[in-house]
PDB file of N, CA and C in Angstrom:
ATOM      1  N   MET A   1       0.264   9.966  -0.884  1.00  0.00           N
ATOM      2  CA  MET A   1       1.500   9.484  -1.440  1.00  0.00           C
ATOM      3  C   MET A   1       2.611   9.798  -0.446  1.00  0.00           C
ATOM      4  N   GLY A   2       3.464   8.844  -0.237  1.00  0.00           N
ATOM      5  CA  GLY A   2       4.567   9.024   0.693  1.00  0.00           C
ATOM      6  C   GLY A   2       4.207   8.571   2.090  1.00  0.00           C
ATOM      7  N   LEU A   3       5.225   8.273   2.875  1.00  0.00           N
ATOM      8  CA  LEU A   3       5.020   7.753   4.225  1.00  0.00           C
ATOM      9  C   LEU A   3       4.267   8.748   5.105  1.00  0.00           C
ATOM     10  N   SER A   4       4.664  10.008   5.091  1.00  0.00           N
ATOM     11  CA  SER A   4       3.988  11.011   5.924  1.00  0.00           C
ATOM     12  C   SER A   4       2.520  11.142   5.543  1.00  0.00           C
ATOM     13  N   GLY A   5       2.252  11.148   4.240  1.00  0.00           N
ATOM     14  CA  GLY A   5       0.871  11.251   3.770  1.00  0.00           C
ATOM     15  C   GLY A   5       0.029  10.073   4.209  1.00  0.00           C
ATOM     16  N   VAL A   6       0.586   8.878   4.133  1.00  0.00           N
ATOM     17  CA  VAL A   6      -0.144   7.680   4.551  1.00  0.00           C
ATOM     18  C   VAL A   6      -0.376   7.706   6.059  1.00  0.00           C
ATOM     19  N   ARG A   7       0.617   8.127   6.816  1.00  0.00           N
ATOM     20  CA  ARG A   7       0.449   8.200   8.273  1.00  0.00           C
ATOM     21  C   ARG A   7      -0.666   9.167   8.666  1.00  0.00           C
ATOM     22  N   ARG A   8      -0.834  10.242   7.927  1.00  0.00           N
ATOM     23  CA  ARG A   8      -1.848  11.251   8.250  1.00  0.00           C
ATOM     24  C   ARG A   8      -3.229  10.925   7.697  1.00  0.00           C
ATOM     25  N   SER A   9      -3.295  10.024   6.740  1.00  0.00           N
ATOM     26  CA  SER A   9      -4.558   9.756   6.046  1.00  0.00           C
ATOM     27  C   SER A   9      -5.508   8.908   6.873  1.00  0.00           C
ATOM     28  N   ARG A  10      -6.764   9.161   6.654  1.00  0.00           N
ATOM     29  CA  ARG A  10      -7.836   8.359   7.245  1.00  0.00           C
ATOM     30  C   ARG A  10      -8.604   7.731   6.091  1.00  0.00           C
ATOM     31  N   ASP A  11      -9.356   6.717   6.381  1.00  0.00           N
ATOM     32  CA  ASP A  11     -10.193   6.044   5.391  1.00  0.00           C
ATOM     33  C   ASP A  11      -9.397   5.409   4.261  1.00  0.00           C
ATOM     34  N   LEU A  12      -8.212   4.889   4.589  1.00  0.00           N
ATOM     35  CA  LEU A  12      -7.418   4.180   3.580  1.00  0.00           C
ATOM     36  C   LEU A  12      -8.010   2.797   3.344  1.00  0.00           C
ATOM     37  N   GLU A  13      -7.966   2.365   2.113  1.00  0.00           N
ATOM     38  CA  GLU A  13      -8.405   1.012   1.783  1.00  0.00           C
ATOM     39  C   GLU A  13      -7.220   0.144   1.382  1.00  0.00           C
ATOM     40  N   LEU A  14      -6.234   0.749   0.713  1.00  0.00           N
ATOM     41  CA  LEU A  14      -5.068   0.016   0.238  1.00  0.00           C
ATOM     42  C   LEU A  14      -3.796   0.807   0.532  1.00  0.00           C
ATOM     43  N   VAL A  15      -2.737   0.085   0.834  1.00  0.00           N
ATOM     44  CA  VAL A  15      -1.418   0.695   0.961  1.00  0.00           C
ATOM     45  C   VAL A  15      -0.423  -0.223   0.256  1.00  0.00           C
ATOM     46  N   PHE A  16       0.369   0.377  -0.614  1.00  0.00           N
ATOM     47  CA  PHE A  16       1.427  -0.347  -1.318  1.00  0.00           C
ATOM     48  C   PHE A  16       2.761   0.150  -0.779  1.00  0.00           C
ATOM     49  N   VAL A  17       3.599  -0.791  -0.340  1.00  0.00           N
ATOM     50  CA  VAL A  17       4.875  -0.483   0.298  1.00  0.00           C
ATOM     51  C   VAL A  17       5.994  -1.094  -0.535  1.00  0.00           C
ATOM     52  N   ASP A  18       6.950  -0.276  -0.944  1.00  0.00           N
ATOM     53  CA  ASP A  18       8.088  -0.768  -1.714  1.00  0.00           C
ATOM     54  C   ASP A  18       8.976  -1.630  -0.819  1.00  0.00           C
ATOM     55  N   VAL A  19       9.534  -2.687  -1.390  1.00  0.00           N
ATOM     56  CA  VAL A  19      10.376  -3.609  -0.629  1.00  0.00           C
ATOM     57  C   VAL A  19      11.623  -2.931  -0.056  1.00  0.00           C
ATOM     58  N   SER A  20      11.997  -1.785  -0.589  1.00  0.00           N
ATOM     59  CA  SER A  20      13.202  -1.099  -0.137  1.00  0.00           C
ATOM     60  C   SER A  20      13.023  -0.379   1.204  1.00  0.00           C
ATOM     61  N   ILE A  21      11.821  -0.286   1.688  1.00  0.00           N
ATOM     62  CA  ILE A  21      11.568   0.449   2.932  1.00  0.00           C
ATOM     63  C   ILE A  21      11.997  -0.408   4.129  1.00  0.00           C
ATOM     64  N   SER A  22      12.354   0.211   5.208  1.00  0.00           N
ATOM     65  CA  SER A  22      12.908  -0.504   6.367  1.00  0.00           C
ATOM     66  C   SER A  22      11.904  -1.486   6.966  1.00  0.00           C
ATOM     67  N   ASP A  23      12.435  -2.511   7.619  1.00  0.00           N
ATOM     68  CA  ASP A  23      11.596  -3.526   8.262  1.00  0.00           C
ATOM     69  C   ASP A  23      10.675  -2.902   9.315  1.00  0.00           C
ATOM     70  N   ASN A  24      11.188  -1.948  10.079  1.00  0.00           N
ATOM     71  CA  ASN A  24      10.371  -1.310  11.112  1.00  0.00           C
ATOM     72  C   ASN A  24       9.189  -0.573  10.499  1.00  0.00           C
ATOM     73  N   THR A  25       9.428   0.119   9.399  1.00  0.00           N
ATOM     74  CA  THR A  25       8.346   0.840   8.729  1.00  0.00           C
ATOM     75  C   THR A  25       7.367  -0.146   8.104  1.00  0.00           C
ATOM     76  N   GLN A  26       7.854  -1.238   7.554  1.00  0.00           N
ATOM     77  CA  GLN A  26       6.961  -2.271   7.028  1.00  0.00           C
ATOM     78  C   GLN A  26       6.052  -2.797   8.126  1.00  0.00           C
ATOM     79  N   GLN A  27       6.616  -3.039   9.310  1.00  0.00           N
ATOM     80  CA  GLN A  27       5.814  -3.531  10.435  1.00  0.00           C
ATOM     81  C   GLN A  27       4.795  -2.489  10.880  1.00  0.00           C
ATOM     82  N   GLU A  28       5.209  -1.231  10.909  1.00  0.00           N
ATOM     83  CA  GLU A  28       4.288  -0.144  11.268  1.00  0.00           C
ATOM     84  C   GLU A  28       3.095  -0.119  10.313  1.00  0.00           C
ATOM     85  N   LEU A  29       3.376  -0.183   9.024  1.00  0.00           N
ATOM     86  CA  LEU A  29       2.309  -0.115   8.034  1.00  0.00           C
ATOM     87  C   LEU A  29       1.470  -1.388   8.027  1.00  0.00           C
ATOM     88  N   ALA A  30       2.061  -2.522   8.332  1.00  0.00           N
ATOM     89  CA  ALA A  30       1.313  -3.779   8.406  1.00  0.00           C
ATOM     90  C   ALA A  30       0.234  -3.706   9.478  1.00  0.00           C
ATOM     91  N   ARG A  31       0.469  -2.936  10.529  1.00  0.00           N
ATOM     92  CA  ARG A  31      -0.531  -2.800  11.596  1.00  0.00           C
ATOM     93  C   ARG A  31      -1.810  -2.118  11.118  1.00  0.00           C
ATOM     94  N   LEU A  32      -1.748  -1.442   9.971  1.00  0.00           N
ATOM     95  CA  LEU A  32      -2.965  -0.854   9.407  1.00  0.00           C
ATOM     96  C   LEU A  32      -3.981  -1.940   9.047  1.00  0.00           C
ATOM     97  N   GLY A  33      -3.492  -3.147   8.838  1.00  0.00           N
ATOM     98  CA  GLY A  33      -4.376  -4.273   8.525  1.00  0.00           C
ATOM     99  C   GLY A  33      -5.397  -4.532   9.608  1.00  0.00           C
ATOM    100  N   ALA A  34      -5.066  -4.194  10.845  1.00  0.00           N
ATOM    101  CA  ALA A  34      -6.017  -4.360  11.955  1.00  0.00           C
ATOM    102  C   ALA A  34      -7.221  -3.440  11.801  1.00  0.00           C
ATOM    103  N   HIS A  35      -7.084  -2.436  10.957  1.00  0.00           N
ATOM    104  CA  HIS A  35      -8.165  -1.475  10.718  1.00  0.00           C
ATOM    105  C   HIS A  35      -8.830  -1.708   9.361  1.00  0.00           C
ATOM    106  N   GLY A  36      -8.581  -2.881   8.765  1.00  0.00           N
ATOM    107  CA  GLY A  36      -9.220  -3.237   7.516  1.00  0.00           C
ATOM    108  C   GLY A  36      -8.506  -2.777   6.256  1.00  0.00           C
ATOM    109  N   VAL A  37      -7.327  -2.191   6.397  1.00  0.00           N
ATOM    110  CA  VAL A  37      -6.555  -1.734   5.243  1.00  0.00           C
ATOM    111  C   VAL A  37      -5.774  -2.925   4.686  1.00  0.00           C
ATOM    112  N   ARG A  38      -5.829  -3.128   3.378  1.00  0.00           N
ATOM    113  CA  ARG A  38      -5.011  -4.167   2.753  1.00  0.00           C
ATOM    114  C   ARG A  38      -3.663  -3.544   2.420  1.00  0.00           C
ATOM    115  N   VAL A  39      -2.603  -4.147   2.948  1.00  0.00           N
ATOM    116  CA  VAL A  39      -1.249  -3.626   2.788  1.00  0.00           C
ATOM    117  C   VAL A  39      -0.442  -4.633   1.979  1.00  0.00           C
ATOM    118  N   PHE A  40       0.170  -4.146   0.889  1.00  0.00           N
ATOM    119  CA  PHE A  40       0.928  -5.013   0.000  1.00  0.00           C
ATOM    120  C   PHE A  40       2.378  -4.572  -0.078  1.00  0.00           C
ATOM    121  N   LEU A  41       3.272  -5.536  -0.025  1.00  0.00           N
ATOM    122  CA  LEU A  41       4.697  -5.314  -0.222  1.00  0.00           C
ATOM    123  C   LEU A  41       4.979  -5.537  -1.703  1.00  0.00           C
ATOM    124  N   VAL A  42       5.464  -4.506  -2.385  1.00  0.00           N
ATOM    125  CA  VAL A  42       5.663  -4.596  -3.835  1.00  0.00           C
ATOM    126  C   VAL A  42       7.105  -4.268  -4.203  1.00  0.00           C
ATOM    127  N   ASP A  43       7.537  -4.856  -5.290  1.00  0.00           N
ATOM    128  CA  ASP A  43       8.866  -4.582  -5.820  1.00  0.00           C
ATOM    129  C   ASP A  43       8.688  -3.701  -7.055  1.00  0.00           C
ATOM    130  N   GLY A  44       9.205  -2.499  -7.010  1.00  0.00           N
ATOM    131  CA  GLY A  44       9.107  -1.625  -8.167  1.00  0.00           C
ATOM    132  C   GLY A  44       7.969  -0.629  -8.101  1.00  0.00           C
ATOM    133  N   LEU A  45       7.677  -0.109  -6.956  1.00  0.00           N
ATOM    134  CA  LEU A  45       6.628   0.905  -6.820  1.00  0.00           C
ATOM    135  C   LEU A  45       6.979   2.161  -7.603  1.00  0.00           C
ATOM    136  N   ASP A  46       8.258   2.352  -7.870  1.00  0.00           N
ATOM    137  CA  ASP A  46       8.693   3.550  -8.597  1.00  0.00           C
ATOM    138  C   ASP A  46       8.117   3.625 -10.007  1.00  0.00           C
ATOM    139  N   SER A  47       7.735   2.497 -10.580  1.00  0.00           N
ATOM    140  CA  SER A  47       7.132   2.540 -11.918  1.00  0.00           C
ATOM    141  C   SER A  47       5.787   3.261 -11.894  1.00  0.00           C
ATOM    142  N   VAL A  48       5.125   3.261 -10.752  1.00  0.00           N
ATOM    143  CA  VAL A  48       3.856   3.980 -10.596  1.00  0.00           C
ATOM    144  C   VAL A  48       4.103   5.421 -10.170  1.00  0.00           C
ATOM    145  N   THR A  49       4.938   5.608  -9.164  1.00  0.00           N
ATOM    146  CA  THR A  49       5.116   6.948  -8.602  1.00  0.00           C
ATOM    147  C   THR A  49       5.867   7.890  -9.540  1.00  0.00           C
ATOM    148  N   THR A  50       6.761   7.361 -10.361  1.00  0.00           N
ATOM    149  CA  THR A  50       7.481   8.200 -11.320  1.00  0.00           C
ATOM    150  C   THR A  50       6.514   8.814 -12.324  1.00  0.00           C
ATOM    151  N   ARG A  51       5.521   8.058 -12.720  1.00  0.00           N
ATOM    152  CA  ARG A  51       4.507   8.583 -13.650  1.00  0.00           C
ATOM    153  C   ARG A  51       3.671   9.678 -13.014  1.00  0.00           C
ATOM    154  N   MET A  52       3.664   9.724 -11.698  1.00  0.00           N
ATOM    155  CA  MET A  52       2.949  10.776 -10.982  1.00  0.00           C
ATOM    156  C   MET A  52       3.868  11.957 -10.677  1.00  0.00           C
ATOM    157  N   GLY A  53       5.089  11.880 -11.190  1.00  0.00           N
ATOM    158  CA  GLY A  53       6.035  12.961 -10.985  1.00  0.00           C
ATOM    159  C   GLY A  53       6.841  12.866  -9.708  1.00  0.00           C
ATOM    160  N   ARG A  54       6.803  11.708  -9.049  1.00  0.00           N
ATOM    161  CA  ARG A  54       7.530  11.519  -7.799  1.00  0.00           C
ATOM    162  C   ARG A  54       8.362  10.249  -7.879  1.00  0.00           C
ATOM    163  N   ASP A  55       9.664  10.381  -7.912  1.00  0.00           N
ATOM    164  CA  ASP A  55      10.500   9.183  -7.935  1.00  0.00           C
ATOM    165  C   ASP A  55      11.114   8.881  -6.576  1.00  0.00           C
ATOM    166  N   ASP A  56      10.735   9.658  -5.563  1.00  0.00           N
ATOM    167  CA  ASP A  56      11.274   9.465  -4.222  1.00  0.00           C
ATOM    168  C   ASP A  56      10.267   8.822  -3.270  1.00  0.00           C
ATOM    169  N   VAL A  57       9.133   8.383  -3.757  1.00  0.00           N
ATOM    170  CA  VAL A  57       8.067   7.833  -2.919  1.00  0.00           C
ATOM    171  C   VAL A  57       8.174   6.315  -2.865  1.00  0.00           C
ATOM    172  N   HIS A  58       8.068   5.769  -1.643  1.00  0.00           N
ATOM    173  CA  HIS A  58       8.152   4.327  -1.453  1.00  0.00           C
ATOM    174  C   HIS A  58       6.912   3.760  -0.786  1.00  0.00           C
ATOM    175  N   VAL A  59       5.935   4.624  -0.506  1.00  0.00           N
ATOM    176  CA  VAL A  59       4.670   4.200   0.101  1.00  0.00           C
ATOM    177  C   VAL A  59       3.550   4.925  -0.631  1.00  0.00           C
ATOM    178  N   LEU A  60       2.524   4.171  -1.014  1.00  0.00           N
ATOM    179  CA  LEU A  60       1.402   4.746  -1.734  1.00  0.00           C
ATOM    180  C   LEU A  60       0.110   4.240  -1.107  1.00  0.00           C
ATOM    181  N   GLY A  61      -0.724   5.153  -0.641  1.00  0.00           N
ATOM    182  CA  GLY A  61      -2.001   4.792  -0.056  1.00  0.00           C
ATOM    183  C   GLY A  61      -3.136   5.182  -0.977  1.00  0.00           C
ATOM    184  N   VAL A  62      -4.201   4.398  -0.933  1.00  0.00           N
ATOM    185  CA  VAL A  62      -5.390   4.677  -1.735  1.00  0.00           C
ATOM    186  C   VAL A  62      -6.574   4.728  -0.774  1.00  0.00           C
ATOM    187  N   LYS A  63      -7.257   5.875  -0.760  1.00  0.00           N
ATOM    188  CA  LYS A  63      -8.416   6.036   0.114  1.00  0.00           C
ATOM    189  C   LYS A  63      -9.621   5.294  -0.433  1.00  0.00           C
ATOM    190  N   GLU A  64     -10.576   5.029   0.446  1.00  0.00           N
ATOM    191  CA  GLU A  64     -11.833   4.406   0.039  1.00  0.00           C
ATOM    192  C   GLU A  64     -12.481   5.251  -1.046  1.00  0.00           C
ATOM    193  N   GLY A  65     -13.081   4.601  -2.027  1.00  0.00           N
ATOM    194  CA  GLY A  65     -13.743   5.312  -3.105  1.00  0.00           C
ATOM    195  C   GLY A  65     -13.671   4.531  -4.400  1.00  0.00           C
ATOM    196  N   ASP A  66     -13.995   5.204  -5.493  1.00  0.00           N
ATOM    197  CA  ASP A  66     -14.057   4.544  -6.792  1.00  0.00           C
ATOM    198  C   ASP A  66     -12.709   3.975  -7.238  1.00  0.00           C
ATOM    199  N   LEU A  67     -11.633   4.730  -7.039  1.00  0.00           N
ATOM    200  CA  LEU A  67     -10.317   4.239  -7.451  1.00  0.00           C
ATOM    201  C   LEU A  67      -9.963   2.978  -6.677  1.00  0.00           C
ATOM    202  N   ALA A  68     -10.127   3.007  -5.367  1.00  0.00           N
ATOM    203  CA  ALA A  68      -9.826   1.839  -4.542  1.00  0.00           C
ATOM    204  C   ALA A  68     -10.703   0.653  -4.932  1.00  0.00           C
ATOM    205  N   ALA A  69     -11.971   0.905  -5.183  1.00  0.00           N
ATOM    206  CA  ALA A  69     -12.888  -0.173  -5.577  1.00  0.00           C
ATOM    207  C   ALA A  69     -12.438  -0.809  -6.893  1.00  0.00           C
ATOM    208  N   GLY A  70     -11.994   0.006  -7.842  1.00  0.00           N
ATOM    209  CA  GLY A  70     -11.509  -0.510  -9.112  1.00  0.00           C
ATOM    210  C   GLY A  70     -10.260  -1.351  -8.957  1.00  0.00           C
ATOM    211  N   ILE A  71      -9.360  -0.906  -8.095  1.00  0.00           N
ATOM    212  CA  ILE A  71      -8.127  -1.669  -7.850  1.00  0.00           C
ATOM    213  C   ILE A  71      -8.457  -2.978  -7.149  1.00  0.00           C
ATOM    214  N   VAL A  72      -9.308  -2.918  -6.130  1.00  0.00           N
ATOM    215  CA  VAL A  72      -9.679  -4.124  -5.375  1.00  0.00           C
ATOM    216  C   VAL A  72     -10.346  -5.144  -6.290  1.00  0.00           C
ATOM    217  N   ALA A  73     -11.136  -4.672  -7.231  1.00  0.00           N
ATOM    218  CA  ALA A  73     -11.816  -5.587  -8.156  1.00  0.00           C
ATOM    219  C   ALA A  73     -10.816  -6.377  -8.997  1.00  0.00           C
ATOM    220  N   LYS A  74      -9.633  -5.834  -9.203  1.00  0.00           N
ATOM    221  CA  LYS A  74      -8.609  -6.505 -10.014  1.00  0.00           C
ATOM    222  C   LYS A  74      -7.640  -7.350  -9.175  1.00  0.00           C
ATOM    223  N   LEU A  75      -7.701  -7.193  -7.866  1.00  0.00           N
ATOM    224  CA  LEU A  75      -6.810  -7.947  -6.975  1.00  0.00           C
ATOM    225  C   LEU A  75      -7.447  -9.274  -6.587  1.00  0.00           C
ATOM    226  N   PRO A  76      -6.621 -10.266  -6.279  1.00  0.00           N
ATOM    227  CA  PRO A  76      -7.178 -11.517  -5.771  1.00  0.00           C
ATOM    228  C   PRO A  76      -7.760 -11.277  -4.378  1.00  0.00           C
ATOM    229  N   PRO A  77      -8.697 -12.121  -3.952  1.00  0.00           N
ATOM    230  CA  PRO A  77      -9.240 -11.962  -2.596  1.00  0.00           C
ATOM    231  C   PRO A  77      -8.123 -12.135  -1.563  1.00  0.00           C
ATOM    232  N   PRO A  78      -8.273 -11.525  -0.386  1.00  0.00           N
ATOM    233  CA  PRO A  78      -7.200 -11.571   0.623  1.00  0.00           C
ATOM    234  C   PRO A  78      -6.708 -12.978   0.943  1.00  0.00           C
ATOM    235  N   GLU A  79      -7.595 -13.955   0.967  1.00  0.00           N
ATOM    236  CA  GLU A  79      -7.174 -15.315   1.315  1.00  0.00           C
ATOM    237  C   GLU A  79      -6.337 -15.962   0.214  1.00  0.00           C
ATOM    238  N   ALA A  80      -6.364 -15.403  -0.999  1.00  0.00           N
ATOM    239  CA  ALA A  80      -5.596 -15.967  -2.115  1.00  0.00           C
ATOM    240  C   ALA A  80      -4.217 -15.334  -2.258  1.00  0.00           C
ATOM    241  N   VAL A  81      -3.936 -14.276  -1.494  1.00  0.00           N
ATOM    242  CA  VAL A  81      -2.660 -13.570  -1.592  1.00  0.00           C
ATOM    243  C   VAL A  81      -1.643 -14.270  -0.709  1.00  0.00           C
ATOM    244  N   GLU A  82      -0.482 -14.564  -1.287  1.00  0.00           N
ATOM    245  CA  GLU A  82       0.579 -15.205  -0.513  1.00  0.00           C
ATOM    246  C   GLU A  82       1.089 -14.267   0.565  1.00  0.00           C
ATOM    247  N   GLU A  83       1.525 -14.822   1.661  1.00  0.00           N
ATOM    248  CA  GLU A  83       2.032 -14.025   2.777  1.00  0.00           C
ATOM    249  C   GLU A  83       3.169 -13.125   2.351  1.00  0.00           C
ATOM    250  N   THR A  84       3.967 -13.541   1.391  1.00  0.00           N
ATOM    251  CA  THR A  84       5.098 -12.726   0.947  1.00  0.00           C
ATOM    252  C   THR A  84       4.651 -11.498   0.158  1.00  0.00           C
ATOM    253  N   ASP A  85       3.435 -11.521  -0.379  1.00  0.00           N
ATOM    254  CA  ASP A  85       2.919 -10.403  -1.163  1.00  0.00           C
ATOM    255  C   ASP A  85       2.172  -9.390  -0.309  1.00  0.00           C
ATOM    256  N   SER A  86       1.679  -9.829   0.817  1.00  0.00           N
ATOM    257  CA  SER A  86       0.846  -8.985   1.651  1.00  0.00           C
ATOM    258  C   SER A  86       1.434  -8.908   3.047  1.00  0.00           C
ATOM    259  N   LEU A  87       1.454  -7.713   3.590  1.00  0.00           N
ATOM    260  CA  LEU A  87       1.964  -7.537   4.949  1.00  0.00           C
ATOM    261  C   LEU A  87       0.877  -7.772   5.984  1.00  0.00           C
ATOM    262  N   THR A  88      -0.370  -7.917   5.537  1.00  0.00           N
ATOM    263  CA  THR A  88      -1.480  -8.123   6.481  1.00  0.00           C
ATOM    264  C   THR A  88      -2.038  -9.508   6.384  1.00  0.00           C
TER     265      THR A  88
END
């Protein structure tokens, strides 16, 4: 959770980036797509992070595993995601 945490993490499968984050940081995180990470630009990430006790987080990463697999199963396939929804 958080930009620093995502930067340090390995084996990420998904990254959700709040639209409020800077363009440079969005571009930095979009480059994770070259490593197979699906990166999504979302409006209102705070609705998720506040429930986790963090209202200051604008980047959320999900590592490979059961949680990521469950989320991916509910997402449309990459080719069906509009460019505006996905940074990759």
